[in-house]
Amino acid sequence: MPASASEEPVQQPLQLDALGPRGEFRARNRQVVPDVTGAPAAELSLVPPPFVSRAHSALRRAEPAPPDERVRRIAAAA
């Protein structure tokens, strides 16, 4: 049976992966984030405390980028 024109397509929830020092990390432990209607809008990766500790340690050890490089990165991300 074809869908009527008034029905909207079902969208998959947005996958919000954790960001670590080596890039994106999709955790097995995930939490659904609902929209205002209660429908799933996103799935948030929940990382264990050791992941957070290692990520923070790596950030503390990292050398900051030069100011002009930071400006370029911010502009590229916008």
N, C-alpha and C. Protein backbone atom coordinates (compact mmCIF):
# COMPACT_ATOMS: atom_id res chain seq x y z
N MET A 1 0.84 -1.17 0.00
CA MET A 1 0.00 0.00 0.00
C MET A 1 0.89 1.24 0.00
N PRO A 2 0.74 2.16 -0.95
CA PRO A 2 1.60 3.34 -1.02
C PRO A 2 1.29 4.30 0.12
N ALA A 3 2.33 5.01 0.56
CA ALA A 3 2.17 5.99 1.63
C ALA A 3 1.47 7.22 1.08
N SER A 4 0.66 7.85 1.91
CA SER A 4 -0.02 9.06 1.47
C SER A 4 0.97 10.22 1.46
N ALA A 5 0.62 11.28 0.76
CA ALA A 5 1.51 12.43 0.62
C ALA A 5 1.71 13.14 1.95
N SER A 6 0.79 12.98 2.90
CA SER A 6 0.91 13.69 4.17
C SER A 6 1.86 13.00 5.14
N GLU A 7 2.21 11.74 4.87
CA GLU A 7 3.13 11.03 5.77
C GLU A 7 4.56 11.44 5.48
N GLU A 8 5.32 11.69 6.54
CA GLU A 8 6.73 12.04 6.37
C GLU A 8 7.57 10.79 6.43
N PRO A 9 8.69 10.75 5.71
CA PRO A 9 9.55 9.57 5.77
C PRO A 9 10.14 9.40 7.17
N VAL A 10 10.33 8.16 7.56
CA VAL A 10 10.91 7.87 8.87
C VAL A 10 12.41 8.12 8.79
N GLN A 11 12.92 8.94 9.71
CA GLN A 11 14.35 9.25 9.72
C GLN A 11 15.03 8.47 10.84
N GLN A 12 16.22 8.01 10.56
CA GLN A 12 17.01 7.32 11.57
C GLN A 12 17.58 8.36 12.53
N PRO A 13 17.72 8.02 13.81
CA PRO A 13 18.31 8.97 14.76
C PRO A 13 19.75 9.30 14.37
N LEU A 14 20.15 10.53 14.61
CA LEU A 14 21.51 10.99 14.37
C LEU A 14 22.45 10.26 15.32
N GLN A 15 23.55 9.70 14.81
CA GLN A 15 24.52 8.98 15.64
C GLN A 15 25.56 9.98 16.15
N LEU A 16 25.58 10.23 17.44
CA LEU A 16 26.53 11.16 18.05
C LEU A 16 27.63 10.35 18.73
N ASP A 17 28.73 10.17 18.00
CA ASP A 17 29.84 9.39 18.53
C ASP A 17 30.72 10.25 19.42
N ALA A 18 31.41 9.60 20.34
CA ALA A 18 32.37 10.30 21.20
C ALA A 18 33.59 10.65 20.37
N LEU A 19 34.23 11.76 20.69
CA LEU A 19 35.47 12.15 20.03
C LEU A 19 36.62 11.95 21.00
N GLY A 20 37.59 11.19 20.57
CA GLY A 20 38.78 10.93 21.37
C GLY A 20 40.02 11.39 20.64
N PRO A 21 41.18 11.15 21.21
CA PRO A 21 42.43 11.60 20.59
C PRO A 21 42.70 10.94 19.24
N ARG A 22 42.10 9.80 18.99
CA ARG A 22 42.30 9.10 17.71
C ARG A 22 41.11 9.24 16.78
N GLY A 23 40.19 10.11 17.11
CA GLY A 23 39.03 10.33 16.24
C GLY A 23 37.74 9.86 16.89
N GLU A 24 36.76 9.54 16.04
CA GLU A 24 35.44 9.15 16.51
C GLU A 24 35.47 7.76 17.16
N PHE A 25 34.62 7.60 18.17
CA PHE A 25 34.50 6.32 18.87
C PHE A 25 33.03 6.06 19.10
N ARG A 26 32.51 5.00 18.51
CA ARG A 26 31.11 4.62 18.70
C ARG A 26 31.03 3.59 19.82
N ALA A 27 30.52 4.01 20.95
CA ALA A 27 30.42 3.14 22.12
C ALA A 27 29.25 2.18 21.97
N ARG A 28 29.37 1.03 22.62
CA ARG A 28 28.25 0.08 22.65
C ARG A 28 27.15 0.60 23.56
N ASN A 29 27.54 1.33 24.59
CA ASN A 29 26.57 1.91 25.52
C ASN A 29 26.08 3.23 24.92
N ARG A 30 24.81 3.26 24.51
CA ARG A 30 24.26 4.42 23.84
C ARG A 30 22.98 4.85 24.55
N GLN A 31 22.70 6.14 24.48
CA GLN A 31 21.47 6.66 25.07
C GLN A 31 20.68 7.38 23.99
N VAL A 32 19.40 7.07 23.91
CA VAL A 32 18.53 7.73 22.94
C VAL A 32 18.17 9.12 23.47
N VAL A 33 18.28 10.11 22.59
CA VAL A 33 17.91 11.48 22.92
C VAL A 33 16.63 11.79 22.15
N PRO A 34 15.52 12.02 22.86
CA PRO A 34 14.26 12.26 22.16
C PRO A 34 14.12 13.72 21.72
N ASP A 35 13.28 13.94 20.70
CA ASP A 35 12.93 15.31 20.33
C ASP A 35 11.74 15.74 21.19
N VAL A 36 11.16 16.89 20.88
CA VAL A 36 10.07 17.41 21.72
C VAL A 36 8.80 16.56 21.65
N THR A 37 8.68 15.73 20.61
CA THR A 37 7.50 14.86 20.50
C THR A 37 7.72 13.50 21.16
N GLY A 38 8.96 13.26 21.60
CA GLY A 38 9.28 11.97 22.20
C GLY A 38 9.88 10.98 21.23
N ALA A 39 9.93 11.33 19.95
CA ALA A 39 10.54 10.45 18.94
C ALA A 39 12.06 10.49 19.07
N PRO A 40 12.74 9.39 18.79
CA PRO A 40 14.21 9.39 18.87
C PRO A 40 14.82 10.37 17.87
N ALA A 41 15.59 11.32 18.36
CA ALA A 41 16.25 12.30 17.49
C ALA A 41 17.72 11.96 17.30
N ALA A 42 18.33 11.36 18.33
CA ALA A 42 19.76 11.05 18.26
C ALA A 42 20.08 9.90 19.19
N GLU A 43 21.23 9.28 18.94
CA GLU A 43 21.79 8.27 19.85
C GLU A 43 23.16 8.76 20.26
N LEU A 44 23.33 8.94 21.55
CA LEU A 44 24.56 9.50 22.12
C LEU A 44 25.44 8.38 22.65
N SER A 45 26.71 8.36 22.23
CA SER A 45 27.66 7.37 22.75
C SER A 45 28.03 7.74 24.18
N LEU A 46 27.90 6.79 25.08
CA LEU A 46 28.30 6.99 26.48
C LEU A 46 29.59 6.21 26.70
N VAL A 47 30.66 6.91 27.01
CA VAL A 47 31.97 6.26 27.13
C VAL A 47 32.29 5.99 28.60
N PRO A 48 33.10 4.97 28.86
CA PRO A 48 33.47 4.65 30.24
C PRO A 48 34.49 5.65 30.78
N PRO A 49 34.58 5.77 32.11
CA PRO A 49 35.53 6.71 32.72
C PRO A 49 36.98 6.56 32.25
N PRO A 50 37.50 5.33 32.03
CA PRO A 50 38.89 5.25 31.53
C PRO A 50 39.09 5.93 30.17
N PHE A 51 38.08 5.87 29.30
CA PHE A 51 38.17 6.55 28.01
C PHE A 51 38.31 8.05 28.23
N VAL A 52 37.50 8.60 29.12
CA VAL A 52 37.54 10.03 29.41
C VAL A 52 38.90 10.41 29.99
N SER A 53 39.42 9.62 30.91
CA SER A 53 40.73 9.91 31.52
C SER A 53 41.84 9.91 30.47
N ARG A 54 41.83 8.90 29.59
CA ARG A 54 42.87 8.84 28.54
C ARG A 54 42.74 10.01 27.58
N ALA A 55 41.53 10.38 27.23
CA ALA A 55 41.32 11.51 26.32
C ALA A 55 41.81 12.81 26.95
N HIS A 56 41.49 13.03 28.21
CA HIS A 56 41.95 14.24 28.89
C HIS A 56 43.47 14.27 29.01
N SER A 57 44.07 13.14 29.31
CA SER A 57 45.53 13.07 29.41
C SER A 57 46.18 13.42 28.07
N ALA A 58 45.62 12.89 26.98
CA ALA A 58 46.16 13.18 25.65
C ALA A 58 46.02 14.66 25.31
N LEU A 59 44.90 15.27 25.69
CA LEU A 59 44.71 16.70 25.43
C LEU A 59 45.71 17.54 26.21
N ARG A 60 45.99 17.16 27.45
CA ARG A 60 46.96 17.90 28.26
C ARG A 60 48.37 17.82 27.68
N ARG A 61 48.71 16.66 27.09
CA ARG A 61 50.05 16.47 26.52
C ARG A 61 50.23 17.15 25.17
N ALA A 62 49.15 17.42 24.48
CA ALA A 62 49.23 17.95 23.11
C ALA A 62 49.75 19.39 23.10
N GLU A 63 50.58 19.67 22.10
CA GLU A 63 51.07 21.03 21.89
C GLU A 63 49.98 21.85 21.19
N PRO A 64 49.77 23.09 21.61
CA PRO A 64 48.76 23.90 20.92
C PRO A 64 49.23 24.28 19.52
N ALA A 65 48.29 24.42 18.62
CA ALA A 65 48.60 24.85 17.26
C ALA A 65 48.94 26.34 17.27
N PRO A 66 49.75 26.78 16.30
CA PRO A 66 50.04 28.22 16.20
C PRO A 66 48.74 29.01 15.96
N PRO A 67 48.72 30.29 16.36
CA PRO A 67 47.48 31.08 16.24
C PRO A 67 46.88 31.09 14.84
N ASP A 68 47.71 31.25 13.80
CA ASP A 68 47.15 31.30 12.44
C ASP A 68 46.54 29.96 12.03
N GLU A 69 47.12 28.87 12.51
CA GLU A 69 46.58 27.54 12.23
C GLU A 69 45.25 27.33 12.96
N ARG A 70 45.14 27.85 14.18
CA ARG A 70 43.87 27.74 14.92
C ARG A 70 42.76 28.50 14.21
N VAL A 71 43.09 29.70 13.71
CA VAL A 71 42.10 30.50 12.97
C VAL A 71 41.66 29.74 11.72
N ARG A 72 42.61 29.13 11.00
CA ARG A 72 42.28 28.38 9.79
C ARG A 72 41.36 27.20 10.12
N ARG A 73 41.67 26.49 11.21
CA ARG A 73 40.85 25.33 11.59
C ARG A 73 39.44 25.74 12.00
N ILE A 74 39.33 26.85 12.72
CA ILE A 74 38.00 27.33 13.13
C ILE A 74 37.20 27.74 11.91
N ALA A 75 37.85 28.42 10.96
CA ALA A 75 37.15 28.83 9.74
C ALA A 75 36.71 27.61 8.93
N ALA A 76 37.55 26.58 8.88
CA ALA A 76 37.19 25.37 8.13
C ALA A 76 36.03 24.63 8.79
N ALA A 77 35.93 24.70 10.10
CA ALA A 77 34.87 24.00 10.82
C ALA A 77 33.53 24.73 10.73
N ALA A 78 33.57 26.02 10.47
CA ALA A 78 32.33 26.82 10.44
C ALA A 78 31.47 26.52 9.24
